[in-house]
């Protein structure tokens, strides 16, 4: 176990005390093309205990830095629940996500009065890099966006189908 001593999210490096010295690691790595994979800066997989936590992270990370209202996220992920219950589920899911990321301070997943956002500096996100034209594109595009991902929430699934189609068309343009 290590304790983060210094982290400047504007760079790719954070420092942590590891009993005998200093450990340095890069930001989180998130793969959304070809499935969902989350890893720390050293490449160690981070398991999320709920699909809704993965969906929340994927949705926010696919639009890094953009603040999304809690009401919109609650409706997106829990359309079959009342507003109060959906917001309670969002709070619980956000807690699960922050615990998995060891982000209780909210530096990677940021909360504000306006809503939630992913700090773009805290993550390397393959779908974002692909859209920005990072090279080599073939290394980034490992398959359809969130391939095989299903949380049984129709509004989220509609968004997911649209993003898969849009990124799939972009891949066709890139590779032909």
C-alpha atoms as a PDB file:
ATOM      1  CA  UNK A   1       0.000   0.000   0.000  1.00  0.00           C
ATOM      2  CA  UNK A   2       1.124   3.548  -0.645  1.00  0.00           C
ATOM      3  CA  UNK A   3       0.031   7.007   0.287  1.00  0.00           C
ATOM      4  CA  UNK A   4      -0.107   9.748  -2.321  1.00  0.00           C
ATOM      5  CA  UNK A   5       2.233  12.524  -1.264  1.00  0.00           C
ATOM      6  CA  UNK A   6       2.115  14.861  -4.220  1.00  0.00           C
ATOM      7  CA  UNK A   7      -0.041  14.907  -7.305  1.00  0.00           C
ATOM      8  CA  UNK A   8      -0.120  17.605  -9.940  1.00  0.00           C
ATOM      9  CA  UNK A   9      -2.832  16.486 -12.368  1.00  0.00           C
ATOM     10  CA  UNK A  10      -1.546  18.941 -14.962  1.00  0.00           C
ATOM     11  CA  UNK A  11       1.363  16.560 -15.514  1.00  0.00           C
ATOM     12  CA  UNK A  12       1.301  12.826 -16.067  1.00  0.00           C
ATOM     13  CA  UNK A  13       3.124  12.012 -12.864  1.00  0.00           C
ATOM     14  CA  UNK A  14       2.163  11.676  -9.237  1.00  0.00           C
ATOM     15  CA  UNK A  15       4.441  10.760  -6.355  1.00  0.00           C
ATOM     16  CA  UNK A  16       3.657   8.399  -3.554  1.00  0.00           C
ATOM     17  CA  UNK A  17       5.594   7.262  -0.476  1.00  0.00           C
ATOM     18  CA  UNK A  18       6.255   3.531  -0.555  1.00  0.00           C
ATOM     19  CA  UNK A  19       7.788   2.703   2.831  1.00  0.00           C
ATOM     20  CA  UNK A  20      11.368   2.959   1.490  1.00  0.00           C
ATOM     21  CA  UNK A  21      11.455   5.773  -0.986  1.00  0.00           C
ATOM     22  CA  UNK A  22       9.300   7.359  -3.584  1.00  0.00           C
ATOM     23  CA  UNK A  23       7.077   5.638  -6.127  1.00  0.00           C
ATOM     24  CA  UNK A  24       6.099   7.531  -9.258  1.00  0.00           C
ATOM     25  CA  UNK A  25       3.136   6.604 -11.425  1.00  0.00           C
ATOM     26  CA  UNK A  26       1.187   8.095 -14.280  1.00  0.00           C
ATOM     27  CA  UNK A  27      -2.483   8.895 -14.455  1.00  0.00           C
ATOM     28  CA  UNK A  28      -5.268   6.343 -14.878  1.00  0.00           C
ATOM     29  CA  UNK A  29      -5.652   4.521 -18.177  1.00  0.00           C
ATOM     30  CA  UNK A  30      -9.164   3.978 -19.497  1.00  0.00           C
ATOM     31  CA  UNK A  31      -9.923   1.866 -22.547  1.00  0.00           C
ATOM     32  CA  UNK A  32     -13.424   2.254 -23.947  1.00  0.00           C
ATOM     33  CA  UNK A  33     -12.755   1.000 -27.487  1.00  0.00           C
ATOM     34  CA  UNK A  34     -13.285  -2.756 -27.668  1.00  0.00           C
ATOM     35  CA  UNK A  35     -14.727  -3.019 -24.153  1.00  0.00           C
ATOM     36  CA  UNK A  36     -14.151  -1.424 -20.754  1.00  0.00           C
ATOM     37  CA  UNK A  37     -10.767  -1.612 -19.040  1.00  0.00           C
ATOM     38  CA  UNK A  38      -9.506   0.603 -16.240  1.00  0.00           C
ATOM     39  CA  UNK A  39      -5.940   0.560 -14.962  1.00  0.00           C
ATOM     40  CA  UNK A  40      -3.714   2.664 -12.783  1.00  0.00           C
ATOM     41  CA  UNK A  41      -0.660   4.414 -14.190  1.00  0.00           C
ATOM     42  CA  UNK A  42       1.458   1.291 -13.722  1.00  0.00           C
ATOM     43  CA  UNK A  43      -0.978  -0.749 -15.836  1.00  0.00           C
ATOM     44  CA  UNK A  44      -2.491  -2.651 -12.913  1.00  0.00           C
ATOM     45  CA  UNK A  45      -6.164  -3.400 -13.525  1.00  0.00           C
ATOM     46  CA  UNK A  46      -8.692  -1.650 -11.325  1.00  0.00           C
ATOM     47  CA  UNK A  47     -11.905  -3.598 -10.817  1.00  0.00           C
ATOM     48  CA  UNK A  48     -15.149  -1.717 -10.338  1.00  0.00           C
ATOM     49  CA  UNK A  49     -17.713  -3.552  -8.232  1.00  0.00           C
ATOM     50  CA  UNK A  50     -20.662  -2.263 -10.219  1.00  0.00           C
ATOM     51  CA  UNK A  51     -21.496  -1.878 -13.900  1.00  0.00           C
ATOM     52  CA  UNK A  52     -23.208   1.414 -13.112  1.00  0.00           C
ATOM     53  CA  UNK A  53     -19.907   2.741 -11.709  1.00  0.00           C
ATOM     54  CA  UNK A  54     -18.216   1.712 -14.971  1.00  0.00           C
ATOM     55  CA  UNK A  55     -21.028   3.333 -16.968  1.00  0.00           C
ATOM     56  CA  UNK A  56     -20.721   6.542 -14.944  1.00  0.00           C
ATOM     57  CA  UNK A  57     -16.969   6.692 -15.488  1.00  0.00           C
ATOM     58  CA  UNK A  58     -17.269   5.863 -19.202  1.00  0.00           C
ATOM     59  CA  UNK A  59     -19.922   8.524 -19.768  1.00  0.00           C
ATOM     60  CA  UNK A  60     -17.994  11.246 -17.959  1.00  0.00           C
ATOM     61  CA  UNK A  61     -14.594  10.230 -19.342  1.00  0.00           C
ATOM     62  CA  UNK A  62     -15.829  10.220 -22.927  1.00  0.00           C
ATOM     63  CA  UNK A  63     -16.425  13.953 -22.469  1.00  0.00           C
ATOM     64  CA  UNK A  64     -13.442  14.913 -20.267  1.00  0.00           C
ATOM     65  CA  UNK A  65     -13.665  18.220 -18.474  1.00  0.00           C
ATOM     66  CA  UNK A  66     -17.340  18.689 -19.376  1.00  0.00           C
ATOM     67  CA  UNK A  67     -19.594  19.120 -16.363  1.00  0.00           C
ATOM     68  CA  UNK A  68     -22.725  16.966 -16.598  1.00  0.00           C
ATOM     69  CA  UNK A  69     -25.652  17.687 -14.310  1.00  0.00           C
ATOM     70  CA  UNK A  70     -26.484  15.136 -11.647  1.00  0.00           C
ATOM     71  CA  UNK A  71     -30.097  15.101 -12.861  1.00  0.00           C
ATOM     72  CA  UNK A  72     -28.998  14.156 -16.395  1.00  0.00           C
ATOM     73  CA  UNK A  73     -26.730  11.373 -15.120  1.00  0.00           C
ATOM     74  CA  UNK A  74     -29.406  10.055 -12.760  1.00  0.00           C
ATOM     75  CA  UNK A  75     -31.928   9.930 -15.615  1.00  0.00           C
ATOM     76  CA  UNK A  76     -29.374   8.331 -17.950  1.00  0.00           C
ATOM     77  CA  UNK A  77     -28.415   5.509 -15.580  1.00  0.00           C
ATOM     78  CA  UNK A  78     -31.624   5.003 -13.574  1.00  0.00           C
ATOM     79  CA  UNK A  79     -34.514   5.982 -15.873  1.00  0.00           C
ATOM     80  CA  UNK A  80     -36.921   3.616 -14.134  1.00  0.00           C
ATOM     81  CA  UNK A  81     -36.534   5.228 -10.707  1.00  0.00           C
ATOM     82  CA  UNK A  82     -37.966   8.373  -9.225  1.00  0.00           C
ATOM     83  CA  UNK A  83     -35.731  11.433  -9.019  1.00  0.00           C
ATOM     84  CA  UNK A  84     -34.920  11.052  -5.316  1.00  0.00           C
ATOM     85  CA  UNK A  85     -34.083   7.345  -5.596  1.00  0.00           C
ATOM     86  CA  UNK A  86     -32.044   7.896  -8.784  1.00  0.00           C
ATOM     87  CA  UNK A  87     -30.007  10.656  -7.100  1.00  0.00           C
ATOM     88  CA  UNK A  88     -29.403   8.412  -4.078  1.00  0.00           C
ATOM     89  CA  UNK A  89     -28.213   5.668  -6.436  1.00  0.00           C
ATOM     90  CA  UNK A  90     -25.908   8.169  -8.127  1.00  0.00           C
ATOM     91  CA  UNK A  91     -24.393   9.206  -4.782  1.00  0.00           C
ATOM     92  CA  UNK A  92     -23.799   5.558  -3.883  1.00  0.00           C
ATOM     93  CA  UNK A  93     -22.310   4.769  -7.300  1.00  0.00           C
ATOM     94  CA  UNK A  94     -20.051   7.820  -7.155  1.00  0.00           C
ATOM     95  CA  UNK A  95     -18.815   6.638  -3.756  1.00  0.00           C
ATOM     96  CA  UNK A  96     -18.064   3.166  -5.180  1.00  0.00           C
ATOM     97  CA  UNK A  97     -16.170   4.721  -8.092  1.00  0.00           C
ATOM     98  CA  UNK A  98     -14.123   7.064  -5.911  1.00  0.00           C
ATOM     99  CA  UNK A  99     -13.255   4.238  -3.538  1.00  0.00           C
ATOM    100  CA  UNK A 100     -12.006   2.067  -6.417  1.00  0.00           C
ATOM    101  CA  UNK A 101      -9.928   4.973  -7.748  1.00  0.00           C
ATOM    102  CA  UNK A 102      -8.735   5.893  -4.243  1.00  0.00           C
ATOM    103  CA  UNK A 103     -10.152   9.340  -5.060  1.00  0.00           C
ATOM    104  CA  UNK A 104     -12.083  10.332  -1.955  1.00  0.00           C
ATOM    105  CA  UNK A 105     -10.720  13.890  -2.392  1.00  0.00           C
ATOM    106  CA  UNK A 106     -12.473  14.143  -5.761  1.00  0.00           C
ATOM    107  CA  UNK A 107      -9.418  15.004  -7.849  1.00  0.00           C
ATOM    108  CA  UNK A 108     -10.104  12.537 -10.669  1.00  0.00           C
ATOM    109  CA  UNK A 109     -13.905  12.602 -10.600  1.00  0.00           C
ATOM    110  CA  UNK A 110     -14.816  16.168  -9.723  1.00  0.00           C
ATOM    111  CA  UNK A 111     -18.067  17.260  -8.057  1.00  0.00           C
ATOM    112  CA  UNK A 112     -19.436  20.768  -8.143  1.00  0.00           C
ATOM    113  CA  UNK A 113     -22.773  22.455  -7.611  1.00  0.00           C
ATOM    114  CA  UNK A 114     -23.266  22.231 -11.388  1.00  0.00           C
ATOM    115  CA  UNK A 115     -22.633  18.478 -11.618  1.00  0.00           C
ATOM    116  CA  UNK A 116     -19.896  15.922 -12.177  1.00  0.00           C
ATOM    117  CA  UNK A 117     -16.881  15.794 -14.469  1.00  0.00           C
ATOM    118  CA  UNK A 118     -13.753  13.762 -15.037  1.00  0.00           C
ATOM    119  CA  UNK A 119     -10.542  15.731 -14.668  1.00  0.00           C
ATOM    120  CA  UNK A 120      -9.081  15.266 -18.148  1.00  0.00           C
ATOM    121  CA  UNK A 121      -5.561  15.425 -16.742  1.00  0.00           C
ATOM    122  CA  UNK A 122      -6.223  12.441 -14.471  1.00  0.00           C
ATOM    123  CA  UNK A 123      -6.936   9.963 -17.274  1.00  0.00           C
ATOM    124  CA  UNK A 124      -5.570   8.722 -20.564  1.00  0.00           C
ATOM    125  CA  UNK A 125      -8.713   7.769 -22.514  1.00  0.00           C
ATOM    126  CA  UNK A 126      -8.366   5.798 -25.753  1.00  0.00           C
ATOM    127  CA  UNK A 127     -11.647   6.967 -27.321  1.00  0.00           C
ATOM    128  CA  UNK A 128     -10.724  10.613 -26.753  1.00  0.00           C
ATOM    129  CA  UNK A 129      -7.223  10.111 -28.144  1.00  0.00           C
ATOM    130  CA  UNK A 130      -8.687   8.309 -31.164  1.00  0.00           C
ATOM    131  CA  UNK A 131     -11.072  11.186 -31.863  1.00  0.00           C
ATOM    132  CA  UNK A 132      -8.239  13.683 -31.553  1.00  0.00           C
ATOM    133  CA  UNK A 133      -6.314  11.774 -34.217  1.00  0.00           C
ATOM    134  CA  UNK A 134      -3.570  10.355 -32.002  1.00  0.00           C
ATOM    135  CA  UNK A 135      -1.232   7.973 -33.752  1.00  0.00           C
ATOM    136  CA  UNK A 136      -1.169   5.093 -34.344  1.00  0.00           C
ATOM    137  CA  UNK A 137      -4.936   4.901 -34.643  1.00  0.00           C
ATOM    138  CA  UNK A 138      -4.877   1.123 -35.156  1.00  0.00           C
ATOM    139  CA  UNK A 139      -3.391   0.685 -31.688  1.00  0.00           C
ATOM    140  CA  UNK A 140      -6.169   2.764 -30.178  1.00  0.00           C
ATOM    141  CA  UNK A 141      -9.163   1.356 -32.035  1.00  0.00           C
ATOM    142  CA  UNK A 142      -9.544  -2.138 -30.593  1.00  0.00           C
ATOM    143  CA  UNK A 143     -13.195  -2.559 -31.515  1.00  0.00           C
ATOM    144  CA  UNK A 144     -16.598  -0.957 -31.029  1.00  0.00           C
ATOM    145  CA  UNK A 145     -17.066   1.580 -28.245  1.00  0.00           C
ATOM    146  CA  UNK A 146     -17.815  -0.251 -24.962  1.00  0.00           C
ATOM    147  CA  UNK A 147     -18.232  -3.512 -26.871  1.00  0.00           C
ATOM    148  CA  UNK A 148     -20.336  -6.010 -24.923  1.00  0.00           C
ATOM    149  CA  UNK A 149     -21.268  -3.430 -22.285  1.00  0.00           C
ATOM    150  CA  UNK A 150     -24.895  -3.450 -21.120  1.00  0.00           C
ATOM    151  CA  UNK A 151     -26.486  -1.930 -18.027  1.00  0.00           C
ATOM    152  CA  UNK A 152     -30.143  -2.325 -19.045  1.00  0.00           C
ATOM    153  CA  UNK A 153     -30.970   1.370 -18.969  1.00  0.00           C
ATOM    154  CA  UNK A 154     -32.619   2.366 -22.241  1.00  0.00           C
ATOM    155  CA  UNK A 155     -31.516   6.013 -22.294  1.00  0.00           C
ATOM    156  CA  UNK A 156     -27.890   4.979 -21.679  1.00  0.00           C
ATOM    157  CA  UNK A 157     -28.197   2.269 -24.331  1.00  0.00           C
ATOM    158  CA  UNK A 158     -29.503   4.842 -26.848  1.00  0.00           C
ATOM    159  CA  UNK A 159     -26.480   7.067 -26.142  1.00  0.00           C
ATOM    160  CA  UNK A 160     -24.194   4.033 -26.392  1.00  0.00           C
ATOM    161  CA  UNK A 161     -25.603   2.985 -29.792  1.00  0.00           C
ATOM    162  CA  UNK A 162     -25.114   6.521 -31.107  1.00  0.00           C
ATOM    163  CA  UNK A 163     -21.502   6.685 -29.907  1.00  0.00           C
ATOM    164  CA  UNK A 164     -20.739   3.231 -31.328  1.00  0.00           C
ATOM    165  CA  UNK A 165     -22.107   4.269 -34.713  1.00  0.00           C
ATOM    166  CA  UNK A 166     -20.262   7.597 -34.698  1.00  0.00           C
ATOM    167  CA  UNK A 167     -16.912   6.111 -33.649  1.00  0.00           C
ATOM    168  CA  UNK A 168     -17.372   3.157 -36.000  1.00  0.00           C
ATOM    169  CA  UNK A 169     -17.877   5.575 -38.912  1.00  0.00           C
ATOM    170  CA  UNK A 170     -14.785   7.488 -37.803  1.00  0.00           C
ATOM    171  CA  UNK A 171     -12.806   4.223 -37.758  1.00  0.00           C
ATOM    172  CA  UNK A 172     -14.008   3.396 -41.286  1.00  0.00           C
ATOM    173  CA  UNK A 173     -12.814   6.805 -42.495  1.00  0.00           C
ATOM    174  CA  UNK A 174      -9.498   6.418 -40.722  1.00  0.00           C
ATOM    175  CA  UNK A 175      -8.719   2.922 -41.974  1.00  0.00           C
ATOM    176  CA  UNK A 176      -9.879   3.234 -45.606  1.00  0.00           C
END
